[in-house]
Amino acid sequence: MTGPTGKKDVGFDNFYWAGPGAFVMTKSDPNPVLTAKWINLVYAPYEASQMHWGPAGTGTDDIFNLKHGELVFSSFYKSLNNYGAYRPKVSVNMGVILPNWLNTYVQPEPRAELRLERIRNIFAPYMEKEHYPFGAVYFTPQENSELTTLQTNIDNYVNQYRATWLLKGGADEQWSNYVATLEQMGLSQYLNILQTALDRYVKSGGKLTE
């Protein structure tokens, strides 16, 4: 859609599925070496693909078959009316899938190919050059503690008004009071924590453009 200034903008999704703080191994782990080896499989193409989509094999209910070194979606997968509902039964929905693995180690999922085509043709030409990778940004323990409380309260308040305005309207009349309330809830403090962490990320060599 064209905005009020006549410009079309598509923002980056700031979510990083595989963030640097996504895995923790505690001291109560009875076999940390074995655990570390298992976690490494999240980054191995064949294993990660099966974690992500489902098992490979020659069974009648396997999601993949291995053909010429590539995992290809089986006839069973293609027969499923609702793979999204079936997937939790056979997959933990994790595993890092790198772009260069597709069509080499694993066949792209048909739905994903359609989404990528739409992104390339419809959204990418208008995508912003700068993005804010907060899934890859570290916060200090103190920042995390403050963010937890601030973000919970702010998100609940924002979501409440978003739903009200979408269903009943009233945003123009209530906007000033809405912004003032957010400030009272610590919006400036919240944004300052994010900015401080982002500045550290950039200073350490992190990039905001692809």
N, C-alpha and C. Protein backbone atom coordinates (compact mmCIF):
# COMPACT_ATOMS: atom_id res chain seq x y z
N MET A 1 0.83 -1.20 0.00
CA MET A 1 0.00 0.00 0.00
C MET A 1 0.87 1.25 0.00
N THR A 2 0.37 2.30 -0.58
CA THR A 2 1.08 3.56 -0.62
C THR A 2 0.75 4.37 0.62
N GLY A 3 1.78 4.85 1.31
CA GLY A 3 1.58 5.62 2.53
C GLY A 3 1.18 7.05 2.25
N PRO A 4 0.94 7.84 3.30
CA PRO A 4 0.48 9.23 3.14
C PRO A 4 1.49 10.12 2.42
N THR A 5 2.77 9.73 2.42
CA THR A 5 3.78 10.54 1.72
C THR A 5 3.95 10.10 0.27
N GLY A 6 3.19 9.10 -0.15
CA GLY A 6 3.30 8.61 -1.52
C GLY A 6 4.34 7.52 -1.69
N LYS A 7 4.93 7.07 -0.59
CA LYS A 7 5.97 6.06 -0.65
C LYS A 7 5.45 4.70 -0.21
N LYS A 8 5.93 3.65 -0.87
CA LYS A 8 5.60 2.29 -0.48
C LYS A 8 6.76 1.73 0.35
N ASP A 9 6.46 1.26 1.54
CA ASP A 9 7.49 0.74 2.43
C ASP A 9 7.14 -0.67 2.89
N VAL A 10 8.13 -1.53 2.91
CA VAL A 10 7.99 -2.86 3.51
C VAL A 10 9.11 -3.01 4.54
N GLY A 11 8.74 -3.19 5.79
CA GLY A 11 9.74 -3.31 6.84
C GLY A 11 10.28 -4.71 6.97
N PHE A 12 11.50 -4.81 7.48
CA PHE A 12 12.09 -6.10 7.79
C PHE A 12 11.38 -6.70 9.00
N ASP A 13 11.32 -8.02 9.04
CA ASP A 13 10.91 -8.71 10.25
C ASP A 13 12.13 -8.76 11.16
N ASN A 14 12.03 -8.18 12.35
CA ASN A 14 13.17 -8.11 13.26
C ASN A 14 13.43 -9.43 13.97
N PHE A 15 12.58 -10.41 13.76
CA PHE A 15 12.71 -11.68 14.49
C PHE A 15 13.83 -12.52 13.90
N TYR A 16 14.72 -12.99 14.75
CA TYR A 16 15.77 -13.93 14.35
C TYR A 16 15.42 -15.29 14.94
N TRP A 17 15.10 -16.25 14.08
CA TRP A 17 14.67 -17.55 14.59
C TRP A 17 15.78 -18.21 15.39
N ALA A 18 16.99 -18.09 14.92
CA ALA A 18 18.13 -18.73 15.58
C ALA A 18 18.98 -17.67 16.27
N GLY A 19 18.47 -17.13 17.38
CA GLY A 19 19.20 -16.11 18.10
C GLY A 19 20.37 -16.69 18.88
N PRO A 20 21.37 -15.87 19.19
CA PRO A 20 22.56 -16.37 19.90
C PRO A 20 22.27 -16.81 21.32
N GLY A 21 21.17 -16.39 21.88
CA GLY A 21 20.83 -16.80 23.24
C GLY A 21 19.71 -17.82 23.28
N ALA A 22 19.49 -18.52 22.16
CA ALA A 22 18.36 -19.43 22.06
C ALA A 22 18.60 -20.77 22.74
N PHE A 23 19.83 -21.08 23.10
CA PHE A 23 20.13 -22.38 23.70
C PHE A 23 20.94 -22.21 24.97
N VAL A 24 20.53 -22.92 25.99
CA VAL A 24 21.25 -22.87 27.27
C VAL A 24 21.41 -24.29 27.78
N MET A 25 22.61 -24.62 28.22
CA MET A 25 22.88 -25.92 28.83
C MET A 25 23.26 -25.66 30.29
N THR A 26 22.49 -26.20 31.21
CA THR A 26 22.71 -25.91 32.63
C THR A 26 23.68 -26.90 33.26
N LYS A 27 24.13 -26.60 34.45
CA LYS A 27 25.10 -27.45 35.16
C LYS A 27 24.48 -28.76 35.62
N SER A 28 23.15 -28.86 35.56
CA SER A 28 22.50 -30.11 35.97
C SER A 28 22.47 -31.14 34.85
N ASP A 29 22.95 -30.76 33.66
CA ASP A 29 23.00 -31.70 32.53
C ASP A 29 23.96 -32.84 32.87
N PRO A 30 23.50 -34.10 32.87
CA PRO A 30 24.37 -35.21 33.25
C PRO A 30 25.39 -35.56 32.17
N ASN A 31 25.18 -35.13 30.93
CA ASN A 31 26.10 -35.47 29.84
C ASN A 31 26.21 -34.29 28.87
N PRO A 32 26.92 -33.24 29.26
CA PRO A 32 27.01 -32.03 28.42
C PRO A 32 27.67 -32.29 27.07
N VAL A 33 28.61 -33.22 26.99
CA VAL A 33 29.27 -33.51 25.72
C VAL A 33 28.26 -34.06 24.72
N LEU A 34 27.44 -35.00 25.18
CA LEU A 34 26.42 -35.59 24.31
C LEU A 34 25.39 -34.54 23.91
N THR A 35 25.02 -33.68 24.85
CA THR A 35 24.06 -32.62 24.55
C THR A 35 24.61 -31.67 23.49
N ALA A 36 25.89 -31.31 23.64
CA ALA A 36 26.52 -30.41 22.66
C ALA A 36 26.55 -31.05 21.27
N LYS A 37 26.81 -32.35 21.22
CA LYS A 37 26.82 -33.04 19.93
C LYS A 37 25.42 -33.02 19.30
N TRP A 38 24.41 -33.18 20.15
CA TRP A 38 23.03 -33.15 19.63
C TRP A 38 22.68 -31.76 19.10
N ILE A 39 23.09 -30.73 19.82
CA ILE A 39 22.79 -29.37 19.39
C ILE A 39 23.49 -29.07 18.06
N ASN A 40 24.68 -29.64 17.85
CA ASN A 40 25.37 -29.43 16.58
C ASN A 40 24.56 -29.94 15.40
N LEU A 41 23.72 -30.94 15.64
CA LEU A 41 22.89 -31.49 14.56
C LEU A 41 21.84 -30.50 14.08
N VAL A 42 21.53 -29.51 14.92
CA VAL A 42 20.59 -28.46 14.49
C VAL A 42 21.15 -27.70 13.29
N TYR A 43 22.47 -27.77 13.10
CA TYR A 43 23.13 -27.04 12.02
C TYR A 43 23.64 -28.00 10.94
N ALA A 44 23.20 -29.25 10.96
CA ALA A 44 23.58 -30.23 9.95
C ALA A 44 22.41 -30.41 8.99
N PRO A 45 22.63 -30.34 7.68
CA PRO A 45 21.51 -30.23 6.73
C PRO A 45 20.48 -31.35 6.80
N TYR A 46 20.92 -32.61 6.82
CA TYR A 46 19.95 -33.70 6.82
C TYR A 46 19.18 -33.78 8.14
N GLU A 47 19.91 -33.67 9.25
CA GLU A 47 19.27 -33.76 10.55
C GLU A 47 18.37 -32.56 10.82
N ALA A 48 18.87 -31.36 10.48
CA ALA A 48 18.09 -30.15 10.71
C ALA A 48 16.80 -30.17 9.90
N SER A 49 16.87 -30.67 8.68
CA SER A 49 15.68 -30.73 7.83
C SER A 49 14.62 -31.64 8.43
N GLN A 50 15.06 -32.76 9.03
CA GLN A 50 14.10 -33.67 9.64
C GLN A 50 13.53 -33.10 10.94
N MET A 51 14.37 -32.36 11.69
CA MET A 51 13.85 -31.68 12.88
C MET A 51 12.80 -30.65 12.47
N HIS A 52 13.04 -30.02 11.33
CA HIS A 52 12.20 -28.92 10.89
C HIS A 52 10.88 -29.41 10.29
N TRP A 53 10.93 -30.46 9.45
CA TRP A 53 9.75 -30.89 8.72
C TRP A 53 9.23 -32.27 9.13
N GLY A 54 10.14 -33.20 9.43
CA GLY A 54 9.70 -34.54 9.75
C GLY A 54 10.70 -35.58 9.28
N PRO A 55 10.45 -36.87 9.59
CA PRO A 55 11.44 -37.92 9.35
C PRO A 55 11.63 -38.28 7.88
N ALA A 56 12.81 -38.81 7.61
CA ALA A 56 13.14 -39.33 6.28
C ALA A 56 13.32 -40.84 6.37
N GLY A 57 12.92 -41.53 5.34
CA GLY A 57 13.08 -42.98 5.33
C GLY A 57 12.31 -43.60 4.19
N THR A 58 12.02 -44.87 4.31
CA THR A 58 11.29 -45.60 3.28
C THR A 58 9.93 -46.06 3.78
N GLY A 59 9.54 -45.58 4.96
CA GLY A 59 8.24 -45.97 5.52
C GLY A 59 7.08 -45.30 4.80
N THR A 60 5.89 -45.78 5.08
CA THR A 60 4.70 -45.24 4.42
C THR A 60 4.27 -43.89 4.98
N ASP A 61 4.82 -43.51 6.13
CA ASP A 61 4.42 -42.23 6.72
C ASP A 61 5.63 -41.32 6.96
N ASP A 62 6.67 -41.49 6.17
CA ASP A 62 7.82 -40.59 6.26
C ASP A 62 7.58 -39.35 5.41
N ILE A 63 8.04 -38.21 5.91
CA ILE A 63 7.85 -36.95 5.20
C ILE A 63 8.81 -36.85 4.02
N PHE A 64 10.03 -37.38 4.18
CA PHE A 64 11.04 -37.30 3.13
C PHE A 64 11.45 -38.69 2.64
N ASN A 65 11.88 -38.75 1.39
CA ASN A 65 12.66 -39.86 0.86
C ASN A 65 14.00 -39.29 0.43
N LEU A 66 15.07 -40.08 0.58
CA LEU A 66 16.39 -39.65 0.16
C LEU A 66 16.64 -40.14 -1.26
N LYS A 67 16.83 -39.20 -2.19
CA LYS A 67 17.06 -39.55 -3.59
C LYS A 67 18.26 -38.78 -4.11
N HIS A 68 19.30 -39.53 -4.52
CA HIS A 68 20.51 -38.94 -5.08
C HIS A 68 21.11 -37.90 -4.13
N GLY A 69 21.09 -38.22 -2.83
CA GLY A 69 21.70 -37.34 -1.84
C GLY A 69 20.84 -36.17 -1.42
N GLU A 70 19.61 -36.09 -1.90
CA GLU A 70 18.73 -34.97 -1.55
C GLU A 70 17.46 -35.49 -0.90
N LEU A 71 17.03 -34.82 0.18
CA LEU A 71 15.76 -35.14 0.80
C LEU A 71 14.63 -34.54 -0.03
N VAL A 72 13.75 -35.38 -0.54
CA VAL A 72 12.63 -34.90 -1.34
C VAL A 72 11.33 -35.27 -0.63
N PHE A 73 10.33 -34.44 -0.76
CA PHE A 73 9.07 -34.69 -0.07
C PHE A 73 8.38 -35.91 -0.66
N SER A 74 7.93 -36.77 0.22
CA SER A 74 7.39 -38.07 -0.17
C SER A 74 5.96 -37.95 -0.68
N SER A 75 5.47 -39.04 -1.25
CA SER A 75 4.08 -39.08 -1.70
C SER A 75 3.13 -38.98 -0.51
N PHE A 76 3.58 -39.49 0.66
CA PHE A 76 2.76 -39.36 1.87
C PHE A 76 2.58 -37.89 2.23
N TYR A 77 3.68 -37.13 2.19
CA TYR A 77 3.58 -35.69 2.47
C TYR A 77 2.58 -35.04 1.53
N LYS A 78 2.68 -35.38 0.25
CA LYS A 78 1.82 -34.76 -0.75
C LYS A 78 0.36 -35.17 -0.60
N SER A 79 0.13 -36.30 0.08
CA SER A 79 -1.25 -36.76 0.27
C SER A 79 -1.93 -36.11 1.47
N LEU A 80 -1.16 -35.44 2.32
CA LEU A 80 -1.75 -34.84 3.52
C LEU A 80 -2.61 -33.64 3.16
N ASN A 81 -3.82 -33.62 3.69
CA ASN A 81 -4.71 -32.49 3.45
C ASN A 81 -4.33 -31.27 4.27
N ASN A 82 -3.74 -31.51 5.44
CA ASN A 82 -3.37 -30.41 6.33
C ASN A 82 -2.04 -30.75 6.99
N TYR A 83 -0.95 -30.51 6.27
CA TYR A 83 0.37 -30.81 6.82
C TYR A 83 0.65 -29.99 8.07
N GLY A 84 0.15 -28.75 8.10
CA GLY A 84 0.39 -27.89 9.26
C GLY A 84 -0.14 -28.50 10.55
N ALA A 85 -1.26 -29.21 10.47
CA ALA A 85 -1.82 -29.86 11.66
C ALA A 85 -1.08 -31.15 11.98
N TYR A 86 -0.56 -31.83 10.96
CA TYR A 86 0.14 -33.09 11.15
C TYR A 86 1.57 -32.87 11.64
N ARG A 87 2.18 -31.79 11.24
CA ARG A 87 3.60 -31.55 11.50
C ARG A 87 4.01 -31.68 12.96
N PRO A 88 3.24 -31.14 13.93
CA PRO A 88 3.67 -31.26 15.34
C PRO A 88 3.79 -32.70 15.82
N LYS A 89 3.17 -33.64 15.13
CA LYS A 89 3.24 -35.03 15.54
C LYS A 89 4.58 -35.67 15.20
N VAL A 90 5.28 -35.13 14.20
CA VAL A 90 6.50 -35.77 13.71
C VAL A 90 7.71 -34.85 13.71
N SER A 91 7.53 -33.61 14.12
CA SER A 91 8.62 -32.64 14.05
C SER A 91 8.64 -31.78 15.29
N VAL A 92 9.87 -31.42 15.73
CA VAL A 92 10.01 -30.48 16.85
C VAL A 92 10.06 -29.05 16.34
N ASN A 93 9.96 -28.88 15.01
CA ASN A 93 9.92 -27.56 14.37
C ASN A 93 11.11 -26.71 14.79
N MET A 94 12.29 -27.28 14.69
CA MET A 94 13.52 -26.55 14.94
C MET A 94 14.54 -27.01 13.91
N GLY A 95 15.70 -26.42 13.94
CA GLY A 95 16.71 -26.74 12.94
C GLY A 95 16.93 -25.55 12.03
N VAL A 96 18.18 -25.24 11.78
CA VAL A 96 18.52 -24.08 10.96
C VAL A 96 18.61 -24.51 9.49
N ILE A 97 17.78 -23.94 8.65
CA ILE A 97 17.77 -24.27 7.23
C ILE A 97 18.44 -23.13 6.46
N LEU A 98 19.62 -23.37 5.92
CA LEU A 98 20.35 -22.34 5.19
C LEU A 98 19.92 -22.33 3.72
N PRO A 99 19.90 -21.16 3.10
CA PRO A 99 19.44 -21.06 1.71
C PRO A 99 20.21 -21.96 0.74
N ASN A 100 21.53 -22.10 0.96
CA ASN A 100 22.32 -22.90 0.02
C ASN A 100 22.11 -24.40 0.19
N TRP A 101 21.34 -24.81 1.20
CA TRP A 101 21.00 -26.22 1.35
C TRP A 101 19.87 -26.62 0.40
N LEU A 102 19.00 -25.66 0.08
CA LEU A 102 17.83 -25.96 -0.73
C LEU A 102 18.25 -26.38 -2.13
N ASN A 103 17.61 -27.43 -2.62
CA ASN A 103 17.90 -28.02 -3.92
C ASN A 103 19.30 -28.66 -3.98
N THR A 104 19.95 -28.77 -2.83
CA THR A 104 21.22 -29.49 -2.73
C THR A 104 21.07 -30.64 -1.75
N TYR A 105 20.69 -30.31 -0.51
CA TYR A 105 20.46 -31.33 0.51
C TYR A 105 18.98 -31.61 0.74
N VAL A 106 18.16 -30.60 0.54
CA VAL A 106 16.73 -30.76 0.81
C VAL A 106 15.92 -30.00 -0.24
N GLN A 107 14.83 -30.63 -0.65
CA GLN A 107 13.93 -30.00 -1.61
C GLN A 107 13.15 -28.88 -0.92
N PRO A 108 13.01 -27.71 -1.53
CA PRO A 108 12.22 -26.65 -0.92
C PRO A 108 10.76 -27.09 -0.76
N GLU A 109 10.17 -26.72 0.34
CA GLU A 109 8.76 -27.04 0.55
C GLU A 109 7.92 -26.24 -0.45
N PRO A 110 6.95 -26.85 -1.10
CA PRO A 110 6.15 -26.13 -2.10
C PRO A 110 5.53 -24.83 -1.58
N ARG A 111 5.03 -24.87 -0.35
CA ARG A 111 4.44 -23.65 0.21
C ARG A 111 5.49 -22.55 0.37
N ALA A 112 6.70 -22.96 0.76
CA ALA A 112 7.78 -21.98 0.95
C ALA A 112 8.20 -21.38 -0.39
N GLU A 113 8.23 -22.18 -1.43
CA GLU A 113 8.58 -21.67 -2.75
C GLU A 113 7.59 -20.61 -3.19
N LEU A 114 6.32 -20.85 -2.93
CA LEU A 114 5.29 -19.88 -3.29
C LEU A 114 5.47 -18.59 -2.50
N ARG A 115 5.77 -18.71 -1.21
CA ARG A 115 5.97 -17.52 -0.38
C ARG A 115 7.19 -16.73 -0.86
N LEU A 116 8.28 -17.44 -1.18
CA LEU A 116 9.49 -16.76 -1.65
C LEU A 116 9.24 -16.03 -2.96
N GLU A 117 8.47 -16.65 -3.84
CA GLU A 117 8.15 -16.00 -5.11
C GLU A 117 7.36 -14.72 -4.89
N ARG A 118 6.43 -14.76 -3.96
CA ARG A 118 5.64 -13.57 -3.66
C ARG A 118 6.51 -12.48 -3.02
N ILE A 119 7.42 -12.90 -2.14
CA ILE A 119 8.32 -11.93 -1.51
C ILE A 119 9.18 -11.24 -2.56
N ARG A 120 9.77 -12.05 -3.45
CA ARG A 120 10.65 -11.48 -4.49
C ARG A 120 9.91 -10.51 -5.40
N ASN A 121 8.70 -10.88 -5.80
CA ASN A 121 7.99 -10.11 -6.82
C ASN A 121 7.14 -8.97 -6.27
N ILE A 122 6.66 -9.13 -5.03
CA ILE A 122 5.70 -8.15 -4.50
C ILE A 122 6.33 -7.25 -3.44
N PHE A 123 7.09 -7.85 -2.51
CA PHE A 123 7.56 -7.09 -1.35
C PHE A 123 8.99 -6.57 -1.48
N ALA A 124 9.88 -7.41 -1.98
CA ALA A 124 11.31 -7.07 -1.98
C ALA A 124 11.63 -5.74 -2.66
N PRO A 125 10.97 -5.38 -3.78
CA PRO A 125 11.30 -4.10 -4.41
C PRO A 125 11.09 -2.89 -3.51
N TYR A 126 10.26 -3.02 -2.49
CA TYR A 126 9.95 -1.88 -1.61
C TYR A 126 10.49 -2.08 -0.20
N MET A 127 11.35 -3.08 -0.01
CA MET A 127 11.83 -3.40 1.33
C MET A 127 12.86 -2.38 1.82
N GLU A 128 12.75 -2.02 3.08
CA GLU A 128 13.70 -1.08 3.67
C GLU A 128 15.11 -1.67 3.66
N LYS A 129 16.10 -0.82 3.52
CA LYS A 129 17.49 -1.28 3.50
C LYS A 129 18.02 -1.55 4.90
N GLU A 130 17.43 -0.87 5.88
CA GLU A 130 17.93 -0.99 7.25
C GLU A 130 16.98 -1.85 8.08
N HIS A 131 17.55 -2.71 8.91
CA HIS A 131 16.73 -3.53 9.78
C HIS A 131 17.37 -3.59 11.16
N TYR A 132 16.59 -4.01 12.15
CA TYR A 132 17.04 -3.99 13.54
C TYR A 132 16.96 -5.41 14.09
N PRO A 133 18.11 -6.10 14.08
CA PRO A 133 18.14 -7.54 14.39
C PRO A 133 18.14 -7.83 15.89
N PHE A 134 17.04 -7.56 16.58
CA PHE A 134 17.06 -7.70 18.03
C PHE A 134 17.12 -9.15 18.49
N GLY A 135 16.87 -10.10 17.60
CA GLY A 135 17.10 -11.48 17.99
C GLY A 135 18.57 -11.80 18.09
N ALA A 136 19.43 -10.97 17.47
CA ALA A 136 20.88 -11.21 17.49
C ALA A 136 21.61 -10.24 18.41
N VAL A 137 20.85 -9.44 19.14
CA VAL A 137 21.44 -8.43 20.03
C VAL A 137 21.40 -8.94 21.47
N TYR A 138 22.54 -8.84 22.14
CA TYR A 138 22.61 -9.27 23.54
C TYR A 138 22.20 -8.14 24.48
N PHE A 139 21.53 -8.52 25.57
CA PHE A 139 21.19 -7.58 26.63
C PHE A 139 21.90 -8.01 27.91
N THR A 140 22.25 -7.05 28.73
CA THR A 140 22.85 -7.37 30.02
C THR A 140 21.77 -7.94 30.94
N PRO A 141 22.17 -8.65 32.01
CA PRO A 141 21.16 -9.16 32.95
C PRO A 141 20.24 -8.07 33.49
N GLN A 142 20.82 -6.89 33.77
CA GLN A 142 20.00 -5.79 34.28
C GLN A 142 19.01 -5.31 33.22
N GLU A 143 19.49 -5.20 31.98
CA GLU A 143 18.59 -4.78 30.89
C GLU A 143 17.48 -5.80 30.68
N ASN A 144 17.83 -7.09 30.71
CA ASN A 144 16.82 -8.13 30.54
C ASN A 144 15.76 -8.06 31.63
N SER A 145 16.19 -7.81 32.84
CA SER A 145 15.26 -7.72 33.95
C SER A 145 14.27 -6.57 33.76
N GLU A 146 14.80 -5.42 33.35
CA GLU A 146 13.95 -4.25 33.14
C GLU A 146 13.04 -4.45 31.92
N LEU A 147 13.59 -5.03 30.87
CA LEU A 147 12.81 -5.23 29.65
C LEU A 147 11.62 -6.16 29.88
N THR A 148 11.82 -7.19 30.68
CA THR A 148 10.76 -8.16 30.92
C THR A 148 9.50 -7.50 31.45
N THR A 149 9.67 -6.64 32.45
CA THR A 149 8.52 -5.95 33.04
C THR A 149 7.95 -4.90 32.09
N LEU A 150 8.84 -4.07 31.55
CA LEU A 150 8.38 -2.99 30.67
C LEU A 150 7.66 -3.53 29.45
N GLN A 151 8.25 -4.52 28.79
CA GLN A 151 7.68 -5.02 27.55
C GLN A 151 6.33 -5.70 27.78
N THR A 152 6.22 -6.44 28.87
CA THR A 152 4.95 -7.11 29.15
C THR A 152 3.82 -6.10 29.32
N ASN A 153 4.06 -5.07 30.13
CA ASN A 153 3.03 -4.06 30.37
C ASN A 153 2.71 -3.26 29.11
N ILE A 154 3.76 -2.86 28.39
CA ILE A 154 3.55 -2.05 27.19
C ILE A 154 2.83 -2.86 26.10
N ASP A 155 3.27 -4.09 25.89
CA ASP A 155 2.64 -4.92 24.86
C ASP A 155 1.17 -5.16 25.16
N ASN A 156 0.85 -5.44 26.42
CA ASN A 156 -0.55 -5.67 26.79
C ASN A 156 -1.40 -4.43 26.52
N TYR A 157 -0.86 -3.28 26.86
CA TYR A 157 -1.59 -2.02 26.65
C TYR A 157 -1.77 -1.73 25.17
N VAL A 158 -0.70 -1.89 24.40
CA VAL A 158 -0.78 -1.64 22.96
C VAL A 158 -1.76 -2.59 22.30
N ASN A 159 -1.70 -3.86 22.63
CA ASN A 159 -2.61 -4.84 22.03
C ASN A 159 -4.07 -4.57 22.37
N GLN A 160 -4.29 -4.11 23.59
CA GLN A 160 -5.65 -3.79 24.01
C GLN A 160 -6.24 -2.67 23.14
N TYR A 161 -5.47 -1.61 22.96
CA TYR A 161 -5.97 -0.49 22.17
C TYR A 161 -6.01 -0.80 20.68
N ARG A 162 -5.05 -1.61 20.21
CA ARG A 162 -5.09 -2.00 18.80
C ARG A 162 -6.40 -2.71 18.48
N ALA A 163 -6.78 -3.65 19.34
CA ALA A 163 -8.02 -4.39 19.11
C ALA A 163 -9.23 -3.47 19.19
N THR A 164 -9.23 -2.57 20.16
CA THR A 164 -10.37 -1.65 20.32
C THR A 164 -10.51 -0.75 19.11
N TRP A 165 -9.41 -0.19 18.66
CA TRP A 165 -9.48 0.74 17.53
C TRP A 165 -9.85 0.04 16.23
N LEU A 166 -9.37 -1.19 16.05
CA LEU A 166 -9.73 -1.93 14.83
C LEU A 166 -11.22 -2.25 14.80
N LEU A 167 -11.77 -2.57 15.95
CA LEU A 167 -13.17 -2.98 16.00
C LEU A 167 -14.14 -1.80 16.13
N LYS A 168 -13.73 -0.78 16.89
CA LYS A 168 -14.66 0.31 17.21
C LYS A 168 -14.21 1.69 16.75
N GLY A 169 -12.93 1.81 16.34
CA GLY A 169 -12.43 3.13 15.99
C GLY A 169 -12.09 3.95 17.22
N GLY A 170 -11.82 5.24 17.01
CA GLY A 170 -11.55 6.13 18.13
C GLY A 170 -10.09 6.48 18.32
N ALA A 171 -9.22 6.05 17.40
CA ALA A 171 -7.78 6.29 17.57
C ALA A 171 -7.44 7.77 17.59
N ASP A 172 -8.04 8.55 16.70
CA ASP A 172 -7.71 9.98 16.63
C ASP A 172 -8.06 10.69 17.93
N GLU A 173 -9.22 10.37 18.49
CA GLU A 173 -9.66 11.05 19.70
C GLU A 173 -8.86 10.62 20.93
N GLN A 174 -8.40 9.39 20.96
CA GLN A 174 -7.75 8.85 22.14
C GLN A 174 -6.22 8.84 22.05
N TRP A 175 -5.68 9.31 20.92
CA TRP A 175 -4.25 9.15 20.69
C TRP A 175 -3.38 9.87 21.71
N SER A 176 -3.69 11.10 22.04
CA SER A 176 -2.86 11.87 22.97
C SER A 176 -2.80 11.20 24.33
N ASN A 177 -3.93 10.75 24.82
CA ASN A 177 -3.97 10.08 26.12
C ASN A 177 -3.24 8.74 26.05
N TYR A 178 -3.34 8.07 24.92
CA TYR A 178 -2.67 6.78 24.71
C TYR A 178 -1.16 6.94 24.79
N VAL A 179 -0.62 7.95 24.10
CA VAL A 179 0.82 8.19 24.11
C VAL A 179 1.29 8.60 25.50
N ALA A 180 0.52 9.45 26.17
CA ALA A 180 0.88 9.89 27.52
C ALA A 180 0.93 8.71 28.50
N THR A 181 -0.01 7.79 28.35
CA THR A 181 -0.03 6.62 29.22
C THR A 181 1.17 5.72 28.97
N LEU A 182 1.54 5.56 27.70
CA LEU A 182 2.72 4.78 27.37
C LEU A 182 3.97 5.37 28.00
N GLU A 183 4.07 6.68 28.01
CA GLU A 183 5.22 7.33 28.64
C GLU A 183 5.24 7.05 30.14
N GLN A 184 4.08 7.08 30.76
CA GLN A 184 3.99 6.78 32.19
C GLN A 184 4.38 5.33 32.48
N MET A 185 4.16 4.46 31.51
CA MET A 185 4.48 3.05 31.68
C MET A 185 5.96 2.75 31.42
N GLY A 186 6.71 3.78 30.99
CA GLY A 186 8.14 3.60 30.80
C GLY A 186 8.58 3.38 29.37
N LEU A 187 7.82 3.92 28.40
CA LEU A 187 8.17 3.73 27.00
C LEU A 187 9.55 4.29 26.67
N SER A 188 9.87 5.48 27.17
CA SER A 188 11.18 6.08 26.88
C SER A 188 12.31 5.22 27.45
N GLN A 189 12.11 4.70 28.65
CA GLN A 189 13.12 3.82 29.27
C GLN A 189 13.29 2.56 28.44
N TYR A 190 12.18 2.01 27.98
CA TYR A 190 12.20 0.80 27.15
C TYR A 190 12.97 1.04 25.86
N LEU A 191 12.67 2.13 25.18
CA LEU A 191 13.36 2.45 23.93
C LEU A 191 14.85 2.74 24.16
N ASN A 192 15.17 3.35 25.28
CA ASN A 192 16.57 3.64 25.59
C ASN A 192 17.37 2.36 25.79
N ILE A 193 16.77 1.36 26.43
CA ILE A 193 17.45 0.07 26.61
C ILE A 193 17.72 -0.58 25.26
N LEU A 194 16.73 -0.56 24.38
CA LEU A 194 16.90 -1.13 23.05
C LEU A 194 17.99 -0.39 22.27
N GLN A 195 17.99 0.93 22.35
CA GLN A 195 18.97 1.73 21.62
C GLN A 195 20.38 1.47 22.14
N THR A 196 20.52 1.37 23.46
CA THR A 196 21.83 1.11 24.06
C THR A 196 22.38 -0.24 23.59
N ALA A 197 21.53 -1.27 23.58
CA ALA A 197 21.96 -2.60 23.14
C ALA A 197 22.28 -2.60 21.65
N LEU A 198 21.50 -1.85 20.87
CA LEU A 198 21.75 -1.77 19.43
C LEU A 198 23.07 -1.06 19.14
N ASP A 199 23.35 -0.02 19.89
CA ASP A 199 24.63 0.71 19.71
C ASP A 199 25.82 -0.21 20.02
N ARG A 200 25.69 -1.04 21.05
CA ARG A 200 26.76 -2.00 21.36
C ARG A 200 26.94 -2.98 20.22
N TYR A 201 25.83 -3.43 19.67
CA TYR A 201 25.86 -4.40 18.56
C TYR A 201 26.59 -3.82 17.36
N VAL A 202 26.27 -2.60 17.00
CA VAL A 202 26.91 -1.95 15.85
C VAL A 202 28.39 -1.70 16.13
N LYS A 203 28.70 -1.26 17.36
CA LYS A 203 30.10 -0.98 17.72
C LYS A 203 30.96 -2.22 17.66
N SER A 204 30.34 -3.37 17.93
CA SER A 204 31.09 -4.63 17.93
C SER A 204 31.21 -5.24 16.52
N GLY A 205 30.66 -4.55 15.53
CA GLY A 205 30.78 -5.03 14.15
C GLY A 205 29.49 -5.51 13.53
N GLY A 206 28.40 -5.46 14.27
CA GLY A 206 27.12 -5.87 13.71
C GLY A 206 26.64 -4.90 12.65
N LYS A 207 25.87 -5.40 11.68
CA LYS A 207 25.42 -4.58 10.56
C LYS A 207 23.91 -4.47 10.56
N LEU A 208 23.44 -3.32 10.08
CA LEU A 208 22.01 -3.08 9.99
C LEU A 208 21.48 -3.13 8.57
N THR A 209 22.34 -3.43 7.63
CA THR A 209 21.92 -3.56 6.24
C THR A 209 22.50 -4.85 5.67
N GLU A 210 21.75 -5.44 4.74
CA GLU A 210 22.20 -6.67 4.10
C GLU A 210 23.04 -6.34 2.86
